[in-house]
């Protein structure tokens, strides 16, 4: 499994690079390994951010290998869909800030892994699609839900029901990505963004992320009270004391992620 994804750590940032060339397709094994890695990062107090990327300018990830779906075994289809769901739910619930640095084609499950990240940037040659219906399938890695929430129902329907493929400029226009960068520079840009994460209290980031994502499943009014509750809960953390103390003392904070 460890050969399918490469893990590197640079300071407080972890980088997961897809390693199943040429198209970096997903397998149940690589999906299970992604879930494992995210779980390990969640308990690593020195980890604040995660970048998922590819070392190929042509392929970020082409999604699942369709040869793995050319059968009549519903049991196998359930196992694969469960692997997709489990991995991408884990990524969506990652404690820190996750950034997808999209290098090239992000198709099907290759786009869904990016949709599960907090922030998406892409290189100018990138193209994105959820083409599952064109081969008699449907997105099973949270795509039908995440895409609709992020870009709205109209564009989600165009991409899923019509199979439209978006180039980087259109992806930026509709908010699917937050920035387009030159070819070969997405990892550099992602690292610039994670450097900003390191200035933030990791406990505050975790609480804020929970509040932001709560809007997807509940009433905004219900979260008003939750926001105040989480604010008070910060007084139980070391980082709240460190952050305010460092500001008052005019020094750089030393976060404990606790």
Protein backbone atom coordinates (compact mmCIF):
# COMPACT_ATOMS: atom_id res chain seq x y z
CA UNK A 1 0.00 0.00 0.00
CA UNK A 2 2.75 2.45 0.93
CA UNK A 3 4.05 2.38 -2.65
CA UNK A 4 0.79 3.84 -3.99
CA UNK A 5 1.01 7.08 -2.00
CA UNK A 6 4.20 8.89 -1.00
CA UNK A 7 4.21 10.76 2.31
CA UNK A 8 6.64 13.59 2.99
CA UNK A 9 6.73 16.01 5.93
CA UNK A 10 8.08 19.53 5.72
CA UNK A 11 7.82 21.20 9.08
CA UNK A 12 4.18 21.26 10.13
CA UNK A 13 2.96 20.30 6.63
CA UNK A 14 2.44 16.77 5.29
CA UNK A 15 2.50 16.15 1.54
CA UNK A 16 0.79 13.10 0.05
CA UNK A 17 1.82 12.50 -3.56
CA UNK A 18 -0.10 10.03 -5.72
CA UNK A 19 2.18 7.26 -6.96
CA UNK A 20 0.27 4.93 -9.27
CA UNK A 21 1.46 6.01 -12.73
CA UNK A 22 0.73 6.76 -15.42
CA UNK A 23 -2.71 8.13 -14.49
CA UNK A 24 -2.52 7.80 -10.68
CA UNK A 25 -5.74 5.79 -10.50
CA UNK A 26 -7.24 4.79 -7.17
CA UNK A 27 -7.43 1.24 -5.87
CA UNK A 28 -9.18 -0.01 -2.73
CA UNK A 29 -5.70 -0.46 -1.27
CA UNK A 30 -4.58 3.11 -1.94
CA UNK A 31 -7.89 4.47 -0.65
CA UNK A 32 -7.56 2.49 2.58
CA UNK A 33 -3.99 3.76 2.92
CA UNK A 34 -5.13 7.36 2.45
CA UNK A 35 -7.64 6.87 5.27
CA UNK A 36 -4.87 5.41 7.45
CA UNK A 37 -2.51 8.30 6.74
CA UNK A 38 -5.13 10.93 7.56
CA UNK A 39 -5.87 9.14 10.83
CA UNK A 40 -2.19 9.17 11.73
CA UNK A 41 -1.87 12.87 10.91
CA UNK A 42 -4.88 13.67 13.09
CA UNK A 43 -3.03 12.44 16.19
CA UNK A 44 0.27 14.07 15.22
CA UNK A 45 0.49 17.27 17.27
CA UNK A 46 3.20 18.62 14.96
CA UNK A 47 0.99 18.41 11.87
CA UNK A 48 -1.11 21.45 10.95
CA UNK A 49 -1.67 21.10 7.20
CA UNK A 50 -1.90 18.53 4.41
CA UNK A 51 -1.26 18.86 0.67
CA UNK A 52 -2.43 16.20 -1.78
CA UNK A 53 -0.82 16.35 -5.19
CA UNK A 54 0.76 14.52 -8.11
CA UNK A 55 4.23 14.69 -9.62
CA UNK A 56 2.74 14.44 -13.14
CA UNK A 57 1.86 17.55 -15.14
CA UNK A 58 -0.59 15.50 -17.21
CA UNK A 59 -2.46 13.56 -14.52
CA UNK A 60 -3.47 14.63 -11.04
CA UNK A 61 -5.60 11.48 -10.85
CA UNK A 62 -7.84 9.81 -13.42
CA UNK A 63 -10.00 8.31 -10.65
CA UNK A 64 -10.70 4.59 -10.48
CA UNK A 65 -9.26 2.02 -12.86
CA UNK A 66 -12.36 0.90 -14.79
CA UNK A 67 -10.82 -2.55 -15.26
CA UNK A 68 -11.65 -3.04 -11.59
CA UNK A 69 -15.37 -2.49 -12.38
CA UNK A 70 -15.65 -4.83 -15.36
CA UNK A 71 -17.41 -7.65 -13.49
CA UNK A 72 -20.81 -8.75 -12.16
CA UNK A 73 -19.84 -8.99 -8.47
CA UNK A 74 -21.94 -6.55 -6.42
CA UNK A 75 -19.90 -7.44 -3.37
CA UNK A 76 -16.75 -6.10 -4.99
CA UNK A 77 -18.59 -2.95 -6.07
CA UNK A 78 -19.69 -2.41 -2.48
CA UNK A 79 -16.13 -2.82 -1.21
CA UNK A 80 -14.78 -0.31 -3.72
CA UNK A 81 -17.51 2.25 -3.02
CA UNK A 82 -16.98 1.85 0.73
CA UNK A 83 -13.25 2.42 0.25
CA UNK A 84 -13.94 5.61 -1.71
CA UNK A 85 -16.43 6.88 0.85
CA UNK A 86 -14.30 5.99 3.87
CA UNK A 87 -11.15 7.59 2.50
CA UNK A 88 -12.73 10.82 1.33
CA UNK A 89 -14.88 11.23 4.44
CA UNK A 90 -11.70 10.89 6.49
CA UNK A 91 -10.01 13.52 4.34
CA UNK A 92 -12.99 15.87 4.61
CA UNK A 93 -12.85 15.49 8.42
CA UNK A 94 -9.07 15.99 8.66
CA UNK A 95 -8.24 18.16 11.69
CA UNK A 96 -5.95 20.61 9.91
CA UNK A 97 -6.16 22.53 6.64
CA UNK A 98 -6.07 20.36 3.51
CA UNK A 99 -5.08 21.70 0.10
CA UNK A 100 -5.40 19.95 -3.25
CA UNK A 101 -2.66 21.03 -5.66
CA UNK A 102 -4.18 19.86 -8.94
CA UNK A 103 -1.57 19.35 -11.63
CA UNK A 104 -3.45 17.95 -14.63
CA UNK A 105 -6.48 15.79 -15.38
CA UNK A 106 -8.65 15.35 -12.25
CA UNK A 107 -11.34 12.92 -13.31
CA UNK A 108 -13.97 11.06 -11.28
CA UNK A 109 -12.35 9.98 -8.03
CA UNK A 110 -9.42 12.20 -8.93
CA UNK A 111 -11.68 15.23 -8.65
CA UNK A 112 -13.53 13.83 -5.64
CA UNK A 113 -10.34 13.67 -3.56
CA UNK A 114 -9.82 17.37 -4.34
CA UNK A 115 -13.44 18.16 -3.46
CA UNK A 116 -12.80 16.65 -0.02
CA UNK A 117 -10.03 19.16 0.65
CA UNK A 118 -10.57 22.56 2.23
CA UNK A 119 -8.86 24.49 -0.56
CA UNK A 120 -8.23 23.67 -4.22
CA UNK A 121 -5.71 25.29 -6.52
CA UNK A 122 -4.83 24.06 -9.99
CA UNK A 123 -2.24 24.48 -12.70
CA UNK A 124 -3.28 26.17 -15.94
CA UNK A 125 -3.30 22.89 -17.93
CA UNK A 126 -5.64 21.14 -15.47
CA UNK A 127 -9.03 19.78 -16.50
CA UNK A 128 -11.75 18.50 -14.16
CA UNK A 129 -14.78 16.27 -14.61
CA UNK A 130 -17.10 13.73 -13.00
CA UNK A 131 -17.74 11.52 -16.06
CA UNK A 132 -19.05 8.43 -14.28
CA UNK A 133 -22.52 8.46 -15.89
CA UNK A 134 -20.91 8.18 -19.34
CA UNK A 135 -19.76 4.64 -18.42
CA UNK A 136 -22.90 3.59 -16.54
CA UNK A 137 -21.68 4.54 -13.07
CA UNK A 138 -22.10 7.45 -10.67
CA UNK A 139 -19.77 9.38 -8.35
CA UNK A 140 -19.39 7.33 -5.15
CA UNK A 141 -16.63 9.29 -3.42
CA UNK A 142 -18.94 12.03 -2.10
CA UNK A 143 -18.87 13.81 -5.47
CA UNK A 144 -22.59 14.26 -6.01
CA UNK A 145 -22.83 15.94 -2.60
CA UNK A 146 -19.57 17.89 -2.35
CA UNK A 147 -19.72 19.36 -5.86
CA UNK A 148 -23.28 20.61 -5.45
CA UNK A 149 -22.38 22.33 -2.21
CA UNK A 150 -19.23 23.95 -3.58
CA UNK A 151 -20.36 25.22 -6.99
CA UNK A 152 -24.16 25.11 -6.84
CA UNK A 153 -26.73 22.80 -8.34
CA UNK A 154 -26.57 24.14 -11.91
CA UNK A 155 -22.89 23.49 -12.49
CA UNK A 156 -23.00 20.24 -10.53
CA UNK A 157 -25.73 19.04 -12.85
CA UNK A 158 -23.84 20.13 -15.94
CA UNK A 159 -20.75 18.26 -14.80
CA UNK A 160 -22.48 15.13 -13.50
CA UNK A 161 -25.61 14.81 -15.69
CA UNK A 162 -24.13 16.18 -18.89
CA UNK A 163 -20.56 15.00 -18.32
CA UNK A 164 -19.06 18.43 -18.98
CA UNK A 165 -15.32 18.75 -18.53
CA UNK A 166 -14.01 22.06 -17.16
CA UNK A 167 -10.71 23.71 -17.97
CA UNK A 168 -8.88 25.67 -15.30
CA UNK A 169 -10.30 29.09 -16.22
CA UNK A 170 -13.91 27.91 -15.95
CA UNK A 171 -13.15 26.04 -12.71
CA UNK A 172 -11.85 29.32 -11.28
CA UNK A 173 -14.85 31.26 -12.56
CA UNK A 174 -17.39 29.03 -10.83
CA UNK A 175 -15.39 28.68 -7.60
CA UNK A 176 -14.36 25.06 -8.00
CA UNK A 177 -10.76 26.20 -7.44
CA UNK A 178 -9.56 29.33 -5.68
CA UNK A 179 -6.52 30.00 -7.86
CA UNK A 180 -4.89 28.98 -11.14
CA UNK A 181 -1.09 28.89 -11.24
CA UNK A 182 1.47 28.21 -14.00
CA UNK A 183 2.38 24.65 -14.90
CA UNK A 184 4.79 23.11 -12.43
CA UNK A 185 4.14 25.55 -9.59
CA UNK A 186 1.10 24.18 -7.75
CA UNK A 187 3.11 22.51 -4.97
CA UNK A 188 5.13 25.69 -4.43
CA UNK A 189 1.90 27.70 -4.18
CA UNK A 190 0.33 25.16 -1.84
CA UNK A 191 3.36 25.39 0.44
CA UNK A 192 2.97 29.17 0.48
CA UNK A 193 -0.58 28.66 1.70
CA UNK A 194 0.39 26.14 4.38
CA UNK A 195 3.00 28.62 5.64
CA UNK A 196 0.04 30.87 6.44
CA UNK A 197 -1.62 27.99 8.29
CA UNK A 198 1.39 27.73 10.60
CA UNK A 199 0.73 31.26 11.84
CA UNK A 200 -2.73 30.22 13.03
CA UNK A 201 -3.58 28.41 16.24
CA UNK A 202 -4.18 24.78 15.22
CA UNK A 203 -6.88 24.37 17.85
CA UNK A 204 -8.65 27.52 16.67
CA UNK A 205 -8.38 26.29 13.07
CA UNK A 206 -9.91 22.96 14.03
CA UNK A 207 -12.83 24.61 15.84
CA UNK A 208 -13.38 27.09 12.98
CA UNK A 209 -13.35 24.33 10.39
CA UNK A 210 -16.02 22.42 12.31
CA UNK A 211 -18.20 25.53 12.46
CA UNK A 212 -17.78 26.37 8.76
CA UNK A 213 -18.66 22.84 7.67
CA UNK A 214 -21.61 22.62 10.07
CA UNK A 215 -23.53 24.84 7.64
CA UNK A 216 -23.67 21.92 5.21
CA UNK A 217 -25.83 19.74 7.40
CA UNK A 218 -27.69 21.93 9.88
CA UNK A 219 -29.47 25.20 10.44
CA UNK A 220 -27.35 28.34 10.37
CA UNK A 221 -29.35 29.60 13.36
CA UNK A 222 -28.46 26.49 15.37
CA UNK A 223 -24.78 27.18 14.75
CA UNK A 224 -24.95 30.69 16.20
CA UNK A 225 -25.01 29.23 19.69
CA UNK A 226 -22.43 26.59 18.75
CA UNK A 227 -20.05 29.34 17.65
CA UNK A 228 -20.25 30.97 21.08
CA UNK A 229 -19.82 27.61 22.81
CA UNK A 230 -16.69 26.83 20.81
CA UNK A 231 -15.30 30.28 21.58
CA UNK A 232 -15.59 29.62 25.31
CA UNK A 233 -14.15 26.10 24.89
CA UNK A 234 -10.93 27.64 23.62
CA UNK A 235 -10.23 28.73 27.21
CA UNK A 236 -9.59 25.05 27.97
CA UNK A 237 -6.72 24.99 25.47
CA UNK A 238 -3.06 25.89 25.77
CA UNK A 239 -3.11 27.61 22.39
CA UNK A 240 -5.64 30.21 23.49
CA UNK A 241 -3.42 31.25 26.36
CA UNK A 242 -0.32 31.16 24.18
CA UNK A 243 -1.88 33.12 21.33
CA UNK A 244 -3.20 35.99 23.42
CA UNK A 245 -0.09 36.00 25.61
CA UNK A 246 2.23 36.17 22.61
CA UNK A 247 0.26 39.08 21.14
CA UNK A 248 0.36 41.03 24.41
CA UNK A 249 4.08 40.27 24.82
CA UNK A 250 4.79 41.14 21.16
CA UNK A 251 6.40 37.80 20.29
CA UNK A 252 5.75 34.92 17.91
CA UNK A 253 3.40 32.29 19.41
CA UNK A 254 4.68 28.78 20.09
CA UNK A 255 1.66 26.62 19.27
CA UNK A 256 1.13 23.35 21.14
CA UNK A 257 -1.86 22.06 19.15
CA UNK A 258 -3.51 21.38 22.47
